[in-house]
Amino acid sequence: FPISARRKVSRRHGGHTGWATTLSFRVSKAIEGRRNTPNDDQV
């Protein structure tokens, strides 16, 4: 398909929970600890 997708699997919910892009990547823990992404209320 022009835009690929993969099934999201959640251990918490015990199975598939929808679809996600295959183009995502793992964010390093170093970046996660250094910068916070604000939620809507914080913005």
PDB file of all heavy atoms in Angstrom:
ATOM      1  N   PHE A   1       0.841  -1.191   0.000  1.00  0.00           N
ATOM      2  CA  PHE A   1       0.000   0.000   0.000  1.00  0.00           C
ATOM      3  C   PHE A   1       0.884   1.252   0.000  1.00  0.00           C
ATOM      4  O   PHE A   1       1.966   1.253   0.606  1.00  0.00           O
ATOM      5  CB  PHE A   1      -0.904   0.006   1.228  1.00  0.00           C
ATOM      6  CG  PHE A   1      -1.929  -1.084   1.229  1.00  0.00           C
ATOM      7  CD1 PHE A   1      -1.667  -2.314   1.821  1.00  0.00           C
ATOM      8  CD2 PHE A   1      -3.160  -0.889   0.639  1.00  0.00           C
ATOM      9  CE1 PHE A   1      -2.611  -3.324   1.821  1.00  0.00           C
ATOM     10  CE2 PHE A   1      -4.118  -1.889   0.632  1.00  0.00           C
ATOM     11  CZ  PHE A   1      -3.836  -3.109   1.219  1.00  0.00           C
ATOM     12  N   PRO A   2       0.431   2.338  -0.643  1.00  0.00           N
ATOM     13  CA  PRO A   2       1.225   3.572  -0.647  1.00  0.00           C
ATOM     14  C   PRO A   2       1.604   4.034   0.767  1.00  0.00           C
ATOM     15  O   PRO A   2       2.732   4.479   0.995  1.00  0.00           O
ATOM     16  CB  PRO A   2       0.291   4.575  -1.338  1.00  0.00           C
ATOM     17  CG  PRO A   2      -0.531   3.733  -2.259  1.00  0.00           C
ATOM     18  CD  PRO A   2      -0.762   2.444  -1.515  1.00  0.00           C
ATOM     19  N   ILE A   3       0.660   3.912   1.721  1.00  0.00           N
ATOM     20  CA  ILE A   3       0.963   4.215   3.117  1.00  0.00           C
ATOM     21  C   ILE A   3       0.834   2.920   3.909  1.00  0.00           C
ATOM     22  O   ILE A   3      -0.250   2.349   3.994  1.00  0.00           O
ATOM     23  CB  ILE A   3       0.017   5.293   3.681  1.00  0.00           C
ATOM     24  CG1 ILE A   3       0.216   6.617   2.941  1.00  0.00           C
ATOM     25  CG2 ILE A   3       0.262   5.486   5.176  1.00  0.00           C
ATOM     26  CD1 ILE A   3      -0.700   7.737   3.409  1.00  0.00           C
ATOM     27  N   SER A   4       1.932   2.442   4.415  1.00  0.00           N
ATOM     28  CA  SER A   4       1.940   1.167   5.129  1.00  0.00           C
ATOM     29  C   SER A   4       1.471   1.343   6.569  1.00  0.00           C
ATOM     30  O   SER A   4       1.477   2.447   7.117  1.00  0.00           O
ATOM     31  CB  SER A   4       3.347   0.568   5.114  1.00  0.00           C
ATOM     32  OG  SER A   4       4.280   1.469   5.688  1.00  0.00           O
ATOM     33  N   ALA A   5       1.057   0.238   7.165  1.00  0.00           N
ATOM     34  CA  ALA A   5       0.559   0.270   8.542  1.00  0.00           C
ATOM     35  C   ALA A   5       0.871  -1.059   9.216  1.00  0.00           C
ATOM     36  O   ALA A   5       1.097  -2.077   8.560  1.00  0.00           O
ATOM     37  CB  ALA A   5      -0.946   0.538   8.563  1.00  0.00           C
ATOM     38  N   ARG A   6       0.877  -1.038  10.523  1.00  0.00           N
ATOM     39  CA  ARG A   6       1.072  -2.258  11.298  1.00  0.00           C
ATOM     40  C   ARG A   6       0.062  -2.286  12.439  1.00  0.00           C
ATOM     41  O   ARG A   6      -0.398  -1.240  12.904  1.00  0.00           O
ATOM     42  CB  ARG A   6       2.493  -2.322  11.877  1.00  0.00           C
ATOM     43  CG  ARG A   6       2.831  -1.180  12.828  1.00  0.00           C
ATOM     44  CD  ARG A   6       4.177  -1.348  13.484  1.00  0.00           C
ATOM     45  NE  ARG A   6       4.487  -0.220  14.352  1.00  0.00           N
ATOM     46  CZ  ARG A   6       4.028  -0.077  15.590  1.00  0.00           C
ATOM     47  NH1 ARG A   6       3.211  -1.010  16.102  1.00  0.00           N
ATOM     48  NH2 ARG A   6       4.344   0.974  16.320  1.00  0.00           N
ATOM     49  N   ARG A   7      -0.268  -3.470  12.862  1.00  0.00           N
ATOM     50  CA  ARG A   7      -1.177  -3.627  13.986  1.00  0.00           C
ATOM     51  C   ARG A   7      -0.497  -3.215  15.290  1.00  0.00           C
ATOM     52  O   ARG A   7       0.649  -3.565  15.539  1.00  0.00           O
ATOM     53  CB  ARG A   7      -1.620  -5.085  14.108  1.00  0.00           C
ATOM     54  CG  ARG A   7      -2.891  -5.427  13.370  1.00  0.00           C
ATOM     55  CD  ARG A   7      -4.095  -4.755  13.936  1.00  0.00           C
ATOM     56  NE  ARG A   7      -5.340  -5.281  13.399  1.00  0.00           N
ATOM     57  CZ  ARG A   7      -6.530  -4.773  13.686  1.00  0.00           C
ATOM     58  NH1 ARG A   7      -6.626  -3.714  14.471  1.00  0.00           N
ATOM     59  NH2 ARG A   7      -7.618  -5.294  13.170  1.00  0.00           N
ATOM     60  N   LYS A   8      -1.192  -2.447  16.102  1.00  0.00           N
ATOM     61  CA  LYS A   8      -0.692  -2.129  17.440  1.00  0.00           C
ATOM     62  C   LYS A   8      -1.129  -3.233  18.396  1.00  0.00           C
ATOM     63  O   LYS A   8      -2.300  -3.616  18.403  1.00  0.00           O
ATOM     64  CB  LYS A   8      -1.240  -0.783  17.921  1.00  0.00           C
ATOM     65  CG  LYS A   8      -0.697   0.405  17.169  1.00  0.00           C
ATOM     66  CD  LYS A   8      -1.016   1.719  17.867  1.00  0.00           C
ATOM     67  CE  LYS A   8      -2.512   1.963  17.923  1.00  0.00           C
ATOM     68  NZ  LYS A   8      -2.835   3.277  18.537  1.00  0.00           N
ATOM     69  N   VAL A   9      -0.199  -3.709  19.182  1.00  0.00           N
ATOM     70  CA  VAL A   9      -0.497  -4.760  20.149  1.00  0.00           C
ATOM     71  C   VAL A   9      -0.251  -4.226  21.551  1.00  0.00           C
ATOM     72  O   VAL A   9       0.811  -3.674  21.841  1.00  0.00           O
ATOM     73  CB  VAL A   9       0.365  -6.012  19.911  1.00  0.00           C
ATOM     74  CG1 VAL A   9       0.043  -7.085  20.938  1.00  0.00           C
ATOM     75  CG2 VAL A   9       0.148  -6.548  18.499  1.00  0.00           C
ATOM     76  N   SER A  10      -1.242  -4.354  22.411  1.00  0.00           N
ATOM     77  CA  SER A  10      -1.136  -3.867  23.778  1.00  0.00           C
ATOM     78  C   SER A  10      -1.221  -5.029  24.762  1.00  0.00           C
ATOM     79  O   SER A  10      -2.201  -5.766  24.781  1.00  0.00           O
ATOM     80  CB  SER A  10      -2.265  -2.858  24.071  1.00  0.00           C
ATOM     81  OG  SER A  10      -2.284  -2.512  25.437  1.00  0.00           O
ATOM     82  N   ARG A  11      -0.167  -5.214  25.539  1.00  0.00           N
ATOM     83  CA  ARG A  11      -0.212  -6.242  26.583  1.00  0.00           C
ATOM     84  C   ARG A  11      -1.254  -5.891  27.636  1.00  0.00           C
ATOM     85  O   ARG A  11      -1.931  -6.763  28.184  1.00  0.00           O
ATOM     86  CB  ARG A  11       1.164  -6.372  27.240  1.00  0.00           C
ATOM     87  CG  ARG A  11       2.257  -6.894  26.296  1.00  0.00           C
ATOM     88  CD  ARG A  11       3.585  -6.974  27.024  1.00  0.00           C
ATOM     89  NE  ARG A  11       4.652  -7.444  26.130  1.00  0.00           N
ATOM     90  CZ  ARG A  11       5.920  -7.558  26.508  1.00  0.00           C
ATOM     91  NH1 ARG A  11       6.271  -7.213  27.743  1.00  0.00           N
ATOM     92  NH2 ARG A  11       6.830  -7.991  25.640  1.00  0.00           N
ATOM     93  N   ARG A  12      -1.373  -4.603  27.881  1.00  0.00           N
ATOM     94  CA  ARG A  12      -2.312  -4.150  28.921  1.00  0.00           C
ATOM     95  C   ARG A  12      -3.742  -4.505  28.565  1.00  0.00           C
ATOM     96  O   ARG A  12      -4.536  -4.907  29.414  1.00  0.00           O
ATOM     97  CB  ARG A  12      -2.162  -2.640  29.112  1.00  0.00           C
ATOM     98  CG  ARG A  12      -3.079  -2.054  30.184  1.00  0.00           C
ATOM     99  CD  ARG A  12      -2.832  -0.567  30.311  1.00  0.00           C
ATOM    100  NE  ARG A  12      -3.713   0.032  31.301  1.00  0.00           N
ATOM    101  CZ  ARG A  12      -3.737   1.334  31.568  1.00  0.00           C
ATOM    102  NH1 ARG A  12      -2.918   2.151  30.933  1.00  0.00           N
ATOM    103  NH2 ARG A  12      -4.582   1.815  32.469  1.00  0.00           N
ATOM    104  N   HIS A  13      -4.101  -4.317  27.272  1.00  0.00           N
ATOM    105  CA  HIS A  13      -5.468  -4.588  26.832  1.00  0.00           C
ATOM    106  C   HIS A  13      -5.622  -5.977  26.218  1.00  0.00           C
ATOM    107  O   HIS A  13      -6.682  -6.323  25.720  1.00  0.00           O
ATOM    108  CB  HIS A  13      -5.913  -3.521  25.823  1.00  0.00           C
ATOM    109  CG  HIS A  13      -6.010  -2.144  26.427  1.00  0.00           C
ATOM    110  ND1 HIS A  13      -4.974  -1.238  26.364  1.00  0.00           N
ATOM    111  CD2 HIS A  13      -7.005  -1.540  27.117  1.00  0.00           C
ATOM    112  CE1 HIS A  13      -5.336  -0.118  26.974  1.00  0.00           C
ATOM    113  NE2 HIS A  13      -6.551  -0.276  27.436  1.00  0.00           N
ATOM    114  N   GLY A  14      -4.539  -6.742  26.239  1.00  0.00           N
ATOM    115  CA  GLY A  14      -4.620  -8.137  25.829  1.00  0.00           C
ATOM    116  C   GLY A  14      -4.889  -8.382  24.367  1.00  0.00           C
ATOM    117  O   GLY A  14      -5.681  -9.245  24.004  1.00  0.00           O
ATOM    118  N   GLY A  15      -4.239  -7.623  23.494  1.00  0.00           N
ATOM    119  CA  GLY A  15      -4.419  -7.881  22.068  1.00  0.00           C
ATOM    120  C   GLY A  15      -4.258  -6.649  21.212  1.00  0.00           C
ATOM    121  O   GLY A  15      -3.646  -5.654  21.619  1.00  0.00           O
ATOM    122  N   HIS A  16      -4.842  -6.692  20.004  1.00  0.00           N
ATOM    123  CA  HIS A  16      -4.724  -5.598  19.060  1.00  0.00           C
ATOM    124  C   HIS A  16      -5.581  -4.406  19.494  1.00  0.00           C
ATOM    125  O   HIS A  16      -6.700  -4.570  19.965  1.00  0.00           O
ATOM    126  CB  HIS A  16      -5.169  -6.059  17.666  1.00  0.00           C
ATOM    127  CG  HIS A  16      -4.262  -7.112  17.098  1.00  0.00           C
ATOM    128  ND1 HIS A  16      -4.649  -7.946  16.075  1.00  0.00           N
ATOM    129  CD2 HIS A  16      -2.999  -7.474  17.402  1.00  0.00           C
ATOM    130  CE1 HIS A  16      -3.657  -8.765  15.768  1.00  0.00           C
ATOM    131  NE2 HIS A  16      -2.646  -8.506  16.561  1.00  0.00           N
ATOM    132  N   THR A  17      -5.039  -3.203  19.308  1.00  0.00           N
ATOM    133  CA  THR A  17      -5.774  -1.996  19.709  1.00  0.00           C
ATOM    134  C   THR A  17      -5.878  -0.980  18.581  1.00  0.00           C
ATOM    135  O   THR A  17      -6.173   0.181  18.826  1.00  0.00           O
ATOM    136  CB  THR A  17      -5.090  -1.327  20.915  1.00  0.00           C
ATOM    137  OG1 THR A  17      -3.731  -1.004  20.565  1.00  0.00           O
ATOM    138  CG2 THR A  17      -5.103  -2.234  22.124  1.00  0.00           C
ATOM    139  N   GLY A  18      -5.609  -1.400  17.353  1.00  0.00           N
ATOM    140  CA  GLY A  18      -5.706  -0.454  16.242  1.00  0.00           C
ATOM    141  C   GLY A  18      -4.508  -0.548  15.324  1.00  0.00           C
ATOM    142  O   GLY A  18      -3.798  -1.560  15.300  1.00  0.00           O
ATOM    143  N   TRP A  19      -4.274   0.522  14.568  1.00  0.00           N
ATOM    144  CA  TRP A  19      -3.210   0.545  13.578  1.00  0.00           C
ATOM    145  C   TRP A  19      -2.254   1.696  13.839  1.00  0.00           C
ATOM    146  O   TRP A  19      -2.638   2.728  14.406  1.00  0.00           O
ATOM    147  CB  TRP A  19      -3.797   0.676  12.183  1.00  0.00           C
ATOM    148  CG  TRP A  19      -4.639  -0.481  11.768  1.00  0.00           C
ATOM    149  CD1 TRP A  19      -5.981  -0.629  11.949  1.00  0.00           C
ATOM    150  CD2 TRP A  19      -4.182  -1.682  11.135  1.00  0.00           C
ATOM    151  NE1 TRP A  19      -6.398  -1.844  11.461  1.00  0.00           N
ATOM    152  CE2 TRP A  19      -5.314  -2.512  10.950  1.00  0.00           C
ATOM    153  CE3 TRP A  19      -2.937  -2.135  10.695  1.00  0.00           C
ATOM    154  CZ2 TRP A  19      -5.237  -3.755  10.349  1.00  0.00           C
ATOM    155  CZ3 TRP A  19      -2.856  -3.367  10.096  1.00  0.00           C
ATOM    156  CH2 TRP A  19      -3.983  -4.174   9.922  1.00  0.00           C
ATOM    157  N   ALA A  20      -1.015   1.515  13.399  1.00  0.00           N
ATOM    158  CA  ALA A  20       0.005   2.549  13.564  1.00  0.00           C
ATOM    159  C   ALA A  20       0.870   2.599  12.316  1.00  0.00           C
ATOM    160  O   ALA A  20       0.925   1.646  11.531  1.00  0.00           O
ATOM    161  CB  ALA A  20       0.864   2.259  14.793  1.00  0.00           C
ATOM    162  N   THR A  21       1.554   3.711  12.124  1.00  0.00           N
ATOM    163  CA  THR A  21       2.460   3.845  10.995  1.00  0.00           C
ATOM    164  C   THR A  21       3.701   2.980  11.195  1.00  0.00           C
ATOM    165  O   THR A  21       4.163   2.787  12.327  1.00  0.00           O
ATOM    166  CB  THR A  21       2.886   5.305  10.816  1.00  0.00           C
ATOM    167  OG1 THR A  21       3.879   5.390   9.780  1.00  0.00           O
ATOM    168  CG2 THR A  21       3.469   5.887  12.093  1.00  0.00           C
ATOM    169  N   THR A  22       4.225   2.471  10.101  1.00  0.00           N
ATOM    170  CA  THR A  22       5.462   1.686  10.167  1.00  0.00           C
ATOM    171  C   THR A  22       6.693   2.591  10.159  1.00  0.00           C
ATOM    172  O   THR A  22       7.813   2.104  10.300  1.00  0.00           O
ATOM    173  CB  THR A  22       5.561   0.728   8.964  1.00  0.00           C
ATOM    174  OG1 THR A  22       5.601   1.502   7.758  1.00  0.00           O
ATOM    175  CG2 THR A  22       4.367  -0.223   8.926  1.00  0.00           C
ATOM    176  N   LEU A  23       6.492   3.891   9.996  1.00  0.00           N
ATOM    177  CA  LEU A  23       7.608   4.825   9.867  1.00  0.00           C
ATOM    178  C   LEU A  23       8.038   5.420  11.198  1.00  0.00           C
ATOM    179  O   LEU A  23       8.959   6.234  11.246  1.00  0.00           O
ATOM    180  CB  LEU A  23       7.235   5.959   8.902  1.00  0.00           C
ATOM    181  CG  LEU A  23       6.811   5.532   7.502  1.00  0.00           C
ATOM    182  CD1 LEU A  23       6.495   6.757   6.656  1.00  0.00           C
ATOM    183  CD2 LEU A  23       7.884   4.682   6.842  1.00  0.00           C
ATOM    184  N   SER A  24       7.379   5.029  12.276  1.00  0.00           N
ATOM    185  CA  SER A  24       7.762   5.533  13.591  1.00  0.00           C
ATOM    186  C   SER A  24       9.099   4.924  14.009  1.00  0.00           C
ATOM    187  O   SER A  24       9.596   3.987  13.383  1.00  0.00           O
ATOM    188  CB  SER A  24       6.686   5.188  14.619  1.00  0.00           C
ATOM    189  OG  SER A  24       6.970   5.804  15.863  1.00  0.00           O
ATOM    190  N   PHE A  25       9.684   5.453  15.041  1.00  0.00           N
ATOM    191  CA  PHE A  25      10.968   4.940  15.518  1.00  0.00           C
ATOM    192  C   PHE A  25      11.043   5.136  17.036  1.00  0.00           C
ATOM    193  O   PHE A  25      10.299   5.933  17.617  1.00  0.00           O
ATOM    194  CB  PHE A  25      12.136   5.649  14.827  1.00  0.00           C
ATOM    195  CG  PHE A  25      12.113   7.151  14.970  1.00  0.00           C
ATOM    196  CD1 PHE A  25      12.746   7.785  16.029  1.00  0.00           C
ATOM    197  CD2 PHE A  25      11.441   7.935  14.038  1.00  0.00           C
ATOM    198  CE1 PHE A  25      12.714   9.161  16.160  1.00  0.00           C
ATOM    199  CE2 PHE A  25      11.403   9.320  14.151  1.00  0.00           C
ATOM    200  CZ  PHE A  25      12.036   9.924  15.228  1.00  0.00           C
ATOM    201  N   ARG A  26      11.933   4.396  17.653  1.00  0.00           N
ATOM    202  CA  ARG A  26      12.077   4.462  19.110  1.00  0.00           C
ATOM    203  C   ARG A  26      12.864   5.703  19.493  1.00  0.00           C
ATOM    204  O   ARG A  26      13.927   5.975  18.942  1.00  0.00           O
ATOM    205  CB  ARG A  26      12.787   3.212  19.633  1.00  0.00           C
ATOM    206  CG  ARG A  26      12.856   3.143  21.160  1.00  0.00           C
ATOM    207  CD  ARG A  26      13.547   1.866  21.589  1.00  0.00           C
ATOM    208  NE  ARG A  26      12.775   0.698  21.187  1.00  0.00           N
ATOM    209  CZ  ARG A  26      11.754   0.215  21.893  1.00  0.00           C
ATOM    210  NH1 ARG A  26      11.380   0.820  23.015  1.00  0.00           N
ATOM    211  NH2 ARG A  26      11.103  -0.859  21.471  1.00  0.00           N
ATOM    212  N   VAL A  27      12.329   6.453  20.442  1.00  0.00           N
ATOM    213  CA  VAL A  27      12.996   7.662  20.934  1.00  0.00           C
ATOM    214  C   VAL A  27      13.955   7.265  22.036  1.00  0.00           C
ATOM    215  O   VAL A  27      13.599   6.501  22.935  1.00  0.00           O
ATOM    216  CB  VAL A  27      11.961   8.678  21.460  1.00  0.00           C
ATOM    217  CG1 VAL A  27      12.661   9.917  22.004  1.00  0.00           C
ATOM    218  CG2 VAL A  27      10.995   9.067  20.345  1.00  0.00           C
ATOM    219  N   SER A  28      15.168   7.765  21.959  1.00  0.00           N
ATOM    220  CA  SER A  28      16.164   7.400  22.961  1.00  0.00           C
ATOM    221  C   SER A  28      15.749   7.926  24.329  1.00  0.00           C
ATOM    222  O   SER A  28      15.147   8.995  24.458  1.00  0.00           O
ATOM    223  CB  SER A  28      17.529   7.970  22.581  1.00  0.00           C
ATOM    224  OG  SER A  28      17.549   9.382  22.719  1.00  0.00           O
ATOM    225  N   LYS A  29      16.091   7.179  25.359  1.00  0.00           N
ATOM    226  CA  LYS A  29      15.757   7.569  26.725  1.00  0.00           C
ATOM    227  C   LYS A  29      16.429   8.883  27.101  1.00  0.00           C
ATOM    228  O   LYS A  29      15.907   9.654  27.894  1.00  0.00           O
ATOM    229  CB  LYS A  29      16.179   6.469  27.699  1.00  0.00           C
ATOM    230  CG  LYS A  29      15.405   5.170  27.541  1.00  0.00           C
ATOM    231  CD  LYS A  29      13.937   5.361  27.862  1.00  0.00           C
ATOM    232  CE  LYS A  29      13.172   4.050  27.748  1.00  0.00           C
ATOM    233  NZ  LYS A  29      11.736   4.229  28.050  1.00  0.00           N
ATOM    234  N   ALA A  30      17.601   9.133  26.507  1.00  0.00           N
ATOM    235  CA  ALA A  30      18.317  10.375  26.832  1.00  0.00           C
ATOM    236  C   ALA A  30      17.492  11.588  26.433  1.00  0.00           C
ATOM    237  O   ALA A  30      17.391  12.565  27.158  1.00  0.00           O
ATOM    238  CB  ALA A  30      19.668  10.401  26.113  1.00  0.00           C
ATOM    239  N   ILE A  31      16.849  11.498  25.255  1.00  0.00           N
ATOM    240  CA  ILE A  31      16.021  12.620  24.794  1.00  0.00           C
ATOM    241  C   ILE A  31      14.760  12.719  25.633  1.00  0.00           C
ATOM    242  O   ILE A  31      14.308  13.799  25.992  1.00  0.00           O
ATOM    243  CB  ILE A  31      15.681  12.443  23.305  1.00  0.00           C
ATOM    244  CG1 ILE A  31      16.946  12.608  22.468  1.00  0.00           C
ATOM    245  CG2 ILE A  31      14.614  13.426  22.855  1.00  0.00           C
ATOM    246  CD1 ILE A  31      16.738  12.401  20.989  1.00  0.00           C
ATOM    247  N   GLU A  32      14.175  11.566  25.965  1.00  0.00           N
ATOM    248  CA  GLU A  32      12.960  11.579  26.771  1.00  0.00           C
ATOM    249  C   GLU A  32      13.202  12.271  28.097  1.00  0.00           C
ATOM    250  O   GLU A  32      12.376  13.012  28.602  1.00  0.00           O
ATOM    251  CB  GLU A  32      12.477  10.145  27.018  1.00  0.00           C
ATOM    252  CG  GLU A  32      11.826   9.510  25.801  1.00  0.00           C
ATOM    253  CD  GLU A  32      11.297   8.130  26.118  1.00  0.00           C
ATOM    254  OE1 GLU A  32      11.492   7.679  27.264  1.00  0.00           O
ATOM    255  OE2 GLU A  32      10.708   7.506  25.239  1.00  0.00           O
ATOM    256  N   GLY A  33      14.379  12.013  28.693  1.00  0.00           N
ATOM    257  CA  GLY A  33      14.652  12.602  29.997  1.00  0.00           C
ATOM    258  C   GLY A  33      14.990  14.075  29.920  1.00  0.00           C
ATOM    259  O   GLY A  33      14.781  14.808  30.872  1.00  0.00           O
ATOM    260  N   ARG A  34      15.513  14.508  28.760  1.00  0.00           N
ATOM    261  CA  ARG A  34      15.965  15.892  28.661  1.00  0.00           C
ATOM    262  C   ARG A  34      14.838  16.844  28.291  1.00  0.00           C
ATOM    263  O   ARG A  34      14.797  17.984  28.719  1.00  0.00           O
ATOM    264  CB  ARG A  34      17.079  15.972  27.614  1.00  0.00           C
ATOM    265  CG  ARG A  34      17.731  17.338  27.541  1.00  0.00           C
ATOM    266  CD  ARG A  34      18.988  17.328  26.678  1.00  0.00           C
ATOM    267  NE  ARG A  34      18.690  17.142  25.268  1.00  0.00           N
ATOM    268  CZ  ARG A  34      18.969  16.063  24.580  1.00  0.00           C
ATOM    269  NH1 ARG A  34      19.527  15.030  25.165  1.00  0.00           N
ATOM    270  NH2 ARG A  34      18.672  15.972  23.285  1.00  0.00           N
ATOM    271  N   ARG A  35      13.896  16.370  27.488  1.00  0.00           N
ATOM    272  CA  ARG A  35      12.838  17.267  27.008  1.00  0.00           C
ATOM    273  C   ARG A  35      11.474  16.658  27.277  1.00  0.00           C
ATOM    274  O   ARG A  35      11.248  15.490  27.025  1.00  0.00           O
ATOM    275  CB  ARG A  35      12.987  17.511  25.506  1.00  0.00           C
ATOM    276  CG  ARG A  35      14.234  18.316  25.151  1.00  0.00           C
ATOM    277  CD  ARG A  35      14.237  18.634  23.671  1.00  0.00           C
ATOM    278  NE  ARG A  35      15.374  19.459  23.312  1.00  0.00           N
ATOM    279  CZ  ARG A  35      15.600  19.915  22.091  1.00  0.00           C
ATOM    280  NH1 ARG A  35      14.764  19.624  21.123  1.00  0.00           N
ATOM    281  NH2 ARG A  35      16.645  20.661  21.833  1.00  0.00           N
ATOM    282  N   ASN A  36      10.580  17.493  27.750  1.00  0.00           N
ATOM    283  CA  ASN A  36       9.222  17.055  28.014  1.00  0.00           C
ATOM    284  C   ASN A  36       8.299  17.580  26.921  1.00  0.00           C
ATOM    285  O   ASN A  36       8.386  18.732  26.520  1.00  0.00           O
ATOM    286  CB  ASN A  36       8.766  17.600  29.372  1.00  0.00           C
ATOM    287  CG  ASN A  36       7.281  17.379  29.588  1.00  0.00           C
ATOM    288  OD1 ASN A  36       6.833  16.244  29.649  1.00  0.00           O
ATOM    289  ND2 ASN A  36       6.523  18.453  29.691  1.00  0.00           N
ATOM    290  N   THR A  37       7.429  16.711  26.401  1.00  0.00           N
ATOM    291  CA  THR A  37       6.414  17.144  25.447  1.00  0.00           C
ATOM    292  C   THR A  37       5.167  17.542  26.232  1.00  0.00           C
ATOM    293  O   THR A  37       4.553  16.701  26.878  1.00  0.00           O
ATOM    294  CB  THR A  37       6.068  16.018  24.463  1.00  0.00           C
ATOM    295  OG1 THR A  37       7.252  15.656  23.737  1.00  0.00           O
ATOM    296  CG2 THR A  37       5.007  16.482  23.474  1.00  0.00           C
ATOM    297  N   PRO A  38       4.788  18.815  26.229  1.00  0.00           N
ATOM    298  CA  PRO A  38       3.656  19.267  27.045  1.00  0.00           C
ATOM    299  C   PRO A  38       2.334  18.729  26.523  1.00  0.00           C
ATOM    300  O   PRO A  38       2.161  18.539  25.320  1.00  0.00           O
ATOM    301  CB  PRO A  38       3.717  20.795  26.916  1.00  0.00           C
ATOM    302  CG  PRO A  38       4.392  21.031  25.599  1.00  0.00           C
ATOM    303  CD  PRO A  38       5.399  19.924  25.458  1.00  0.00           C
ATOM    304  N   ASN A  39       1.407  18.488  27.458  1.00  0.00           N
ATOM    305  CA  ASN A  39       0.059  18.104  27.037  1.00  0.00           C
ATOM    306  C   ASN A  39      -0.760  19.370  26.780  1.00  0.00           C
ATOM    307  O   ASN A  39      -0.267  20.497  26.936  1.00  0.00           O
ATOM    308  CB  ASN A  39      -0.611  17.213  28.098  1.00  0.00           C
ATOM    309  CG  ASN A  39      -0.693  17.886  29.466  1.00  0.00           C
ATOM    310  OD1 ASN A  39      -0.880  19.111  29.564  1.00  0.00           O
ATOM    311  ND2 ASN A  39      -0.549  17.105  30.528  1.00  0.00           N
ATOM    312  N   ASP A  40      -2.016  19.201  26.384  1.00  0.00           N
ATOM    313  CA  ASP A  40      -2.852  20.348  25.995  1.00  0.00           C
ATOM    314  C   ASP A  40      -3.042  21.334  27.137  1.00  0.00           C
ATOM    315  O   ASP A  40      -2.982  22.551  26.949  1.00  0.00           O
ATOM    316  CB  ASP A  40      -4.214  19.854  25.507  1.00  0.00           C
ATOM    317  CG  ASP A  40      -4.098  19.011  24.258  1.00  0.00           C
ATOM    318  OD1 ASP A  40      -3.163  19.251  23.480  1.00  0.00           O
ATOM    319  OD2 ASP A  40      -4.928  18.111  24.057  1.00  0.00           O
ATOM    320  N   ASP A  41      -3.284  20.814  28.350  1.00  0.00           N
ATOM    321  CA  ASP A  41      -3.496  21.697  29.495  1.00  0.00           C
ATOM    322  C   ASP A  41      -2.250  22.526  29.792  1.00  0.00           C
ATOM    323  O   ASP A  41      -2.337  23.708  30.135  1.00  0.00           O
ATOM    324  CB  ASP A  41      -3.879  20.873  30.732  1.00  0.00           C
ATOM    325  CG  ASP A  41      -5.265  20.247  30.603  1.00  0.00           C
ATOM    326  OD1 ASP A  41      -6.069  20.779  29.801  1.00  0.00           O
ATOM    327  OD2 ASP A  41      -5.544  19.244  31.285  1.00  0.00           O
ATOM    328  N   GLN A  42      -1.075  21.903  29.669  1.00  0.00           N
ATOM    329  CA  GLN A  42       0.165  22.632  29.913  1.00  0.00           C
ATOM    330  C   GLN A  42       0.387  23.715  28.872  1.00  0.00           C
ATOM    331  O   GLN A  42       0.832  24.821  29.201  1.00  0.00           O
ATOM    332  CB  GLN A  42       1.339  21.649  29.932  1.00  0.00           C
ATOM    333  CG  GLN A  42       1.347  20.724  31.142  1.00  0.00           C
ATOM    334  CD  GLN A  42       2.381  19.626  31.029  1.00  0.00           C
ATOM    335  OE1 GLN A  42       2.732  19.199  29.922  1.00  0.00           O
ATOM    336  NE2 GLN A  42       2.883  19.138  32.162  1.00  0.00           N
ATOM    337  N   VAL A  43       0.073  23.399  27.612  1.00  0.00           N
ATOM    338  CA  VAL A  43       0.222  24.400  26.549  1.00  0.00           C
ATOM    339  C   VAL A  43      -0.694  25.592  26.799  1.00  0.00           C
ATOM    340  O   VAL A  43      -0.279  26.757  26.693  1.00  0.00           O
ATOM    341  CB  VAL A  43      -0.085  23.768  25.173  1.00  0.00           C
ATOM    342  CG1 VAL A  43      -0.173  24.846  24.092  1.00  0.00           C
ATOM    343  CG2 VAL A  43       0.988  22.756  24.803  1.00  0.00           C
TER     344      VAL A  43
END
